[in-house]
Amino acid sequence: MPKMKTNSSAKKRFKLTGSGKVKRSKAFHNHILTKKKKTRKKRLAQGALVHETNEFTIKRLLVRA
């Protein structure tokens, strides 16, 4: 049986932390930044954790078997 491949779109969007949680980046920080406040842009630049209800699904996409 061939090896399972990691989902390419998932590996570009998510990273695993040391404790096994899934990190993601926040949306709305790509373009049209001139109309957004500085504080909002600073908050959007920080990473966030994926909600625990979606963690299992994303971890399955990131599996390297």
PDB file of N, CA and C in Angstrom:
ATOM      1  N   MET A   1       0.849  -1.185   0.000  1.00  0.00           N
ATOM      2  CA  MET A   1       0.000   0.000   0.000  1.00  0.00           C
ATOM      3  C   MET A   1       0.890   1.242   0.000  1.00  0.00           C
ATOM      4  N   PRO A   2       0.591   2.230  -0.851  1.00  0.00           N
ATOM      5  CA  PRO A   2       1.442   3.428  -0.895  1.00  0.00           C
ATOM      6  C   PRO A   2       1.263   4.296   0.341  1.00  0.00           C
ATOM      7  N   LYS A   3       2.234   5.167   0.541  1.00  0.00           N
ATOM      8  CA  LYS A   3       2.164   6.093   1.676  1.00  0.00           C
ATOM      9  C   LYS A   3       1.010   7.066   1.485  1.00  0.00           C
ATOM     10  N   MET A   4       0.420   7.506   2.608  1.00  0.00           N
ATOM     11  CA  MET A   4      -0.609   8.534   2.540  1.00  0.00           C
ATOM     12  C   MET A   4       0.062   9.886   2.355  1.00  0.00           C
ATOM     13  N   LYS A   5      -0.495  10.691   1.501  1.00  0.00           N
ATOM     14  CA  LYS A   5       0.089  12.015   1.271  1.00  0.00           C
ATOM     15  C   LYS A   5      -0.568  13.042   2.174  1.00  0.00           C
ATOM     16  N   THR A   6       0.234  14.023   2.614  1.00  0.00           N
ATOM     17  CA  THR A   6      -0.276  15.150   3.370  1.00  0.00           C
ATOM     18  C   THR A   6      -1.077  16.043   2.427  1.00  0.00           C
ATOM     19  N   ASN A   7      -2.202  16.538   2.887  1.00  0.00           N
ATOM     20  CA  ASN A   7      -3.011  17.444   2.086  1.00  0.00           C
ATOM     21  C   ASN A   7      -2.243  18.752   1.878  1.00  0.00           C
ATOM     22  N   SER A   8      -1.997  19.112   0.626  1.00  0.00           N
ATOM     23  CA  SER A   8      -1.134  20.258   0.305  1.00  0.00           C
ATOM     24  C   SER A   8      -1.721  21.583   0.779  1.00  0.00           C
ATOM     25  N   SER A   9      -3.033  21.750   0.653  1.00  0.00           N
ATOM     26  CA  SER A   9      -3.627  23.016   1.076  1.00  0.00           C
ATOM     27  C   SER A   9      -3.575  23.146   2.591  1.00  0.00           C
ATOM     28  N   ALA A  10      -3.712  22.033   3.305  1.00  0.00           N
ATOM     29  CA  ALA A  10      -3.681  22.079   4.769  1.00  0.00           C
ATOM     30  C   ALA A  10      -2.286  22.379   5.284  1.00  0.00           C
ATOM     31  N   LYS A  11      -1.260  21.817   4.648  1.00  0.00           N
ATOM     32  CA  LYS A  11       0.098  22.051   5.148  1.00  0.00           C
ATOM     33  C   LYS A  11       0.544  23.492   4.930  1.00  0.00           C
ATOM     34  N   LYS A  12      -0.081  24.188   3.963  1.00  0.00           N
ATOM     35  CA  LYS A  12       0.240  25.598   3.747  1.00  0.00           C
ATOM     36  C   LYS A  12      -0.474  26.504   4.748  1.00  0.00           C
ATOM     37  N   ARG A  13      -1.600  26.049   5.298  1.00  0.00           N
ATOM     38  CA  ARG A  13      -2.428  26.895   6.147  1.00  0.00           C
ATOM     39  C   ARG A  13      -2.269  26.651   7.635  1.00  0.00           C
ATOM     40  N   PHE A  14      -1.844  25.447   8.032  1.00  0.00           N
ATOM     41  CA  PHE A  14      -1.816  25.086   9.446  1.00  0.00           C
ATOM     42  C   PHE A  14      -0.451  24.572   9.863  1.00  0.00           C
ATOM     43  N   LYS A  15      -0.114  24.785  11.154  1.00  0.00           N
ATOM     44  CA  LYS A  15       1.116  24.251  11.752  1.00  0.00           C
ATOM     45  C   LYS A  15       0.730  23.618  13.079  1.00  0.00           C
ATOM     46  N   LEU A  16       1.447  22.578  13.465  1.00  0.00           N
ATOM     47  CA  LEU A  16       1.217  21.944  14.760  1.00  0.00           C
ATOM     48  C   LEU A  16       2.140  22.569  15.797  1.00  0.00           C
ATOM     49  N   THR A  17       1.615  22.828  16.992  1.00  0.00           N
ATOM     50  CA  THR A  17       2.436  23.349  18.075  1.00  0.00           C
ATOM     51  C   THR A  17       3.106  22.178  18.790  1.00  0.00           C
ATOM     52  N   GLY A  18       3.978  22.497  19.717  1.00  0.00           N
ATOM     53  CA  GLY A  18       4.684  21.463  20.464  1.00  0.00           C
ATOM     54  C   GLY A  18       3.754  20.612  21.292  1.00  0.00           C
ATOM     55  N   SER A  19       2.678  21.203  21.792  1.00  0.00           N
ATOM     56  CA  SER A  19       1.738  20.461  22.631  1.00  0.00           C
ATOM     57  C   SER A  19       0.677  19.734  21.803  1.00  0.00           C
ATOM     58  N   GLY A  20       0.747  19.842  20.462  1.00  0.00           N
ATOM     59  CA  GLY A  20      -0.177  19.109  19.612  1.00  0.00           C
ATOM     60  C   GLY A  20      -1.400  19.879  19.163  1.00  0.00           C
ATOM     61  N   LYS A  21      -1.480  21.158  19.524  1.00  0.00           N
ATOM     62  CA  LYS A  21      -2.601  21.970  19.052  1.00  0.00           C
ATOM     63  C   LYS A  21      -2.302  22.447  17.633  1.00  0.00           C
ATOM     64  N   VAL A  22      -3.329  22.968  16.957  1.00  0.00           N
ATOM     65  CA  VAL A  22      -3.182  23.392  15.567  1.00  0.00           C
ATOM     66  C   VAL A  22      -3.248  24.906  15.500  1.00  0.00           C
ATOM     67  N   LYS A  23      -2.209  25.512  14.899  1.00  0.00           N
ATOM     68  CA  LYS A  23      -2.146  26.958  14.740  1.00  0.00           C
ATOM     69  C   LYS A  23      -2.662  27.344  13.367  1.00  0.00           C
ATOM     70  N   ARG A  24      -3.282  28.526  13.301  1.00  0.00           N
ATOM     71  CA  ARG A  24      -3.752  29.053  12.021  1.00  0.00           C
ATOM     72  C   ARG A  24      -3.470  30.542  11.990  1.00  0.00           C
ATOM     73  N   SER A  25      -3.550  31.142  10.798  1.00  0.00           N
ATOM     74  CA  SER A  25      -3.434  32.592  10.709  1.00  0.00           C
ATOM     75  C   SER A  25      -4.829  33.170  10.543  1.00  0.00           C
ATOM     76  N   LYS A  26      -4.997  34.419  10.924  1.00  0.00           N
ATOM     77  CA  LYS A  26      -6.308  35.057  10.851  1.00  0.00           C
ATOM     78  C   LYS A  26      -6.570  35.597   9.451  1.00  0.00           C
ATOM     79  N   ALA A  27      -7.832  35.710   9.110  1.00  0.00           N
ATOM     80  CA  ALA A  27      -8.239  36.190   7.795  1.00  0.00           C
ATOM     81  C   ALA A  27      -8.238  37.728   7.766  1.00  0.00           C
ATOM     82  N   PHE A  28      -8.426  38.287   6.599  1.00  0.00           N
ATOM     83  CA  PHE A  28      -8.575  39.737   6.364  1.00  0.00           C
ATOM     84  C   PHE A  28      -7.288  40.527   6.611  1.00  0.00           C
ATOM     85  N   HIS A  29      -6.124  39.909   6.429  1.00  0.00           N
ATOM     86  CA  HIS A  29      -4.870  40.646   6.602  1.00  0.00           C
ATOM     87  C   HIS A  29      -4.021  40.557   5.336  1.00  0.00           C
ATOM     88  N   ASN A  30      -4.690  40.464   4.179  1.00  0.00           N
ATOM     89  CA  ASN A  30      -3.957  40.312   2.927  1.00  0.00           C
ATOM     90  C   ASN A  30      -3.868  41.601   2.128  1.00  0.00           C
ATOM     91  N   HIS A  31      -4.980  42.230   1.887  1.00  0.00           N
ATOM     92  CA  HIS A  31      -4.979  43.428   1.045  1.00  0.00           C
ATOM     93  C   HIS A  31      -6.084  44.356   1.523  1.00  0.00           C
ATOM     94  N   ILE A  32      -6.136  45.548   0.901  1.00  0.00           N
ATOM     95  CA  ILE A  32      -7.030  46.638   1.322  1.00  0.00           C
ATOM     96  C   ILE A  32      -6.792  46.936   2.805  1.00  0.00           C
ATOM     97  N   LEU A  33      -5.537  47.171   3.153  1.00  0.00           N
ATOM     98  CA  LEU A  33      -5.181  47.415   4.542  1.00  0.00           C
ATOM     99  C   LEU A  33      -5.232  48.891   4.907  1.00  0.00           C
ATOM    100  N   THR A  34      -5.382  49.763   3.906  1.00  0.00           N
ATOM    101  CA  THR A  34      -5.336  51.198   4.182  1.00  0.00           C
ATOM    102  C   THR A  34      -6.528  51.672   4.998  1.00  0.00           C
ATOM    103  N   LYS A  35      -7.673  51.039   4.829  1.00  0.00           N
ATOM    104  CA  LYS A  35      -8.866  51.474   5.560  1.00  0.00           C
ATOM    105  C   LYS A  35      -8.986  50.831   6.942  1.00  0.00           C
ATOM    106  N   LYS A  36      -8.094  49.890   7.262  1.00  0.00           N
ATOM    107  CA  LYS A  36      -8.179  49.204   8.553  1.00  0.00           C
ATOM    108  C   LYS A  36      -7.305  49.894   9.582  1.00  0.00           C
ATOM    109  N   LYS A  37      -7.787  49.969  10.811  1.00  0.00           N
ATOM    110  CA  LYS A  37      -7.047  50.623  11.895  1.00  0.00           C
ATOM    111  C   LYS A  37      -5.782  49.840  12.234  1.00  0.00           C
ATOM    112  N   LYS A  38      -4.806  50.557  12.778  1.00  0.00           N
ATOM    113  CA  LYS A  38      -3.528  49.935  13.129  1.00  0.00           C
ATOM    114  C   LYS A  38      -3.710  48.824  14.162  1.00  0.00           C
ATOM    115  N   THR A  39      -4.572  49.069  15.145  1.00  0.00           N
ATOM    116  CA  THR A  39      -4.780  48.058  16.188  1.00  0.00           C
ATOM    117  C   THR A  39      -5.425  46.797  15.612  1.00  0.00           C
ATOM    118  N   ARG A  40      -6.336  46.987  14.675  1.00  0.00           N
ATOM    119  CA  ARG A  40      -6.983  45.834  14.037  1.00  0.00           C
ATOM    120  C   ARG A  40      -5.973  45.022  13.237  1.00  0.00           C
ATOM    121  N   LYS A  41      -5.087  45.719  12.515  1.00  0.00           N
ATOM    122  CA  LYS A  41      -4.072  45.025  11.717  1.00  0.00           C
ATOM    123  C   LYS A  41      -3.093  44.269  12.606  1.00  0.00           C
ATOM    124  N   LYS A  42      -2.766  44.858  13.777  1.00  0.00           N
ATOM    125  CA  LYS A  42      -1.873  44.172  14.712  1.00  0.00           C
ATOM    126  C   LYS A  42      -2.513  42.901  15.245  1.00  0.00           C
ATOM    127  N   ARG A  43      -3.797  42.960  15.551  1.00  0.00           N
ATOM    128  CA  ARG A  43      -4.506  41.765  16.025  1.00  0.00           C
ATOM    129  C   ARG A  43      -4.589  40.697  14.939  1.00  0.00           C
ATOM    130  N   LEU A  44      -4.808  41.118  13.697  1.00  0.00           N
ATOM    131  CA  LEU A  44      -4.929  40.160  12.600  1.00  0.00           C
ATOM    132  C   LEU A  44      -3.593  39.507  12.255  1.00  0.00           C
ATOM    133  N   ALA A  45      -2.493  40.191  12.569  1.00  0.00           N
ATOM    134  CA  ALA A  45      -1.169  39.645  12.251  1.00  0.00           C
ATOM    135  C   ALA A  45      -0.791  38.507  13.197  1.00  0.00           C
ATOM    136  N   GLN A  46      -1.383  38.484  14.382  1.00  0.00           N
ATOM    137  CA  GLN A  46      -1.074  37.420  15.342  1.00  0.00           C
ATOM    138  C   GLN A  46      -1.771  36.137  14.931  1.00  0.00           C
ATOM    139  N   GLY A  47      -1.156  35.037  15.280  1.00  0.00           N
ATOM    140  CA  GLY A  47      -1.751  33.745  14.980  1.00  0.00           C
ATOM    141  C   GLY A  47      -2.878  33.421  15.937  1.00  0.00           C
ATOM    142  N   ALA A  48      -3.604  32.356  15.649  1.00  0.00           N
ATOM    143  CA  ALA A  48      -4.679  31.897  16.522  1.00  0.00           C
ATOM    144  C   ALA A  48      -4.677  30.376  16.506  1.00  0.00           C
ATOM    145  N   LEU A  49      -5.374  29.787  17.450  1.00  0.00           N
ATOM    146  CA  LEU A  49      -5.493  28.336  17.499  1.00  0.00           C
ATOM    147  C   LEU A  49      -6.807  27.918  16.861  1.00  0.00           C
ATOM    148  N   VAL A  50      -6.776  26.762  16.232  1.00  0.00           N
ATOM    149  CA  VAL A  50      -7.980  26.200  15.641  1.00  0.00           C
ATOM    150  C   VAL A  50      -8.880  25.707  16.772  1.00  0.00           C
ATOM    151  N   HIS A  51     -10.187  25.871  16.619  1.00  0.00           N
ATOM    152  CA  HIS A  51     -11.118  25.419  17.644  1.00  0.00           C
ATOM    153  C   HIS A  51     -11.054  23.899  17.775  1.00  0.00           C
ATOM    154  N   GLU A  52     -11.254  23.425  18.996  1.00  0.00           N
ATOM    155  CA  GLU A  52     -11.065  21.991  19.252  1.00  0.00           C
ATOM    156  C   GLU A  52     -12.030  21.100  18.483  1.00  0.00           C
ATOM    157  N   THR A  53     -13.167  21.640  18.051  1.00  0.00           N
ATOM    158  CA  THR A  53     -14.099  20.824  17.274  1.00  0.00           C
ATOM    159  C   THR A  53     -13.577  20.531  15.869  1.00  0.00           C
ATOM    160  N   ASN A  54     -12.697  21.376  15.354  1.00  0.00           N
ATOM    161  CA  ASN A  54     -12.133  21.180  14.015  1.00  0.00           C
ATOM    162  C   ASN A  54     -10.744  20.555  14.046  1.00  0.00           C
ATOM    163  N   GLU A  55     -10.161  20.439  15.235  1.00  0.00           N
ATOM    164  CA  GLU A  55      -8.776  19.976  15.353  1.00  0.00           C
ATOM    165  C   GLU A  55      -8.576  18.577  14.777  1.00  0.00           C
ATOM    166  N   PHE A  56      -9.467  17.656  15.070  1.00  0.00           N
ATOM    167  CA  PHE A  56      -9.319  16.272  14.616  1.00  0.00           C
ATOM    168  C   PHE A  56      -9.290  16.193  13.092  1.00  0.00           C
ATOM    169  N   THR A  57     -10.179  16.934  12.441  1.00  0.00           N
ATOM    170  CA  THR A  57     -10.256  16.929  10.975  1.00  0.00           C
ATOM    171  C   THR A  57      -8.971  17.442  10.344  1.00  0.00           C
ATOM    172  N   ILE A  58      -8.434  18.531  10.885  1.00  0.00           N
ATOM    173  CA  ILE A  58      -7.229  19.128  10.324  1.00  0.00           C
ATOM    174  C   ILE A  58      -6.023  18.241  10.588  1.00  0.00           C
ATOM    175  N   LYS A  59      -5.957  17.639  11.767  1.00  0.00           N
ATOM    176  CA  LYS A  59      -4.847  16.727  12.063  1.00  0.00           C
ATOM    177  C   LYS A  59      -4.847  15.544  11.114  1.00  0.00           C
ATOM    178  N   ARG A  60      -6.053  15.078  10.723  1.00  0.00           N
ATOM    179  CA  ARG A  60      -6.130  13.973   9.779  1.00  0.00           C
ATOM    180  C   ARG A  60      -5.599  14.378   8.405  1.00  0.00           C
ATOM    181  N   LEU A  61      -5.805  15.640   8.010  1.00  0.00           N
ATOM    182  CA  LEU A  61      -5.270  16.118   6.738  1.00  0.00           C
ATOM    183  C   LEU A  61      -3.759  16.253   6.784  1.00  0.00           C
ATOM    184  N   LEU A  62      -3.209  16.516   7.971  1.00  0.00           N
ATOM    185  CA  LEU A  62      -1.772  16.729   8.120  1.00  0.00           C
ATOM    186  C   LEU A  62      -0.999  15.439   8.402  1.00  0.00           C
ATOM    187  N   VAL A  63      -1.696  14.313   8.488  1.00  0.00           N
ATOM    188  CA  VAL A  63      -1.035  13.047   8.832  1.00  0.00           C
ATOM    189  C   VAL A  63      -0.015  12.667   7.766  1.00  0.00           C
ATOM    190  N   ARG A  64       1.146  12.274   8.236  1.00  0.00           N
ATOM    191  CA  ARG A  64       2.165  11.755   7.333  1.00  0.00           C
ATOM    192  C   ARG A  64       2.395  10.299   7.704  1.00  0.00           C
ATOM    193  N   ALA A  65       1.780   9.384   6.975  1.00  0.00           N
ATOM    194  CA  ALA A  65       1.903   7.962   7.325  1.00  0.00           C
ATOM    195  C   ALA A  65       2.777   7.229   6.325  1.00  0.00           C
TER     196      ALA A  65
END
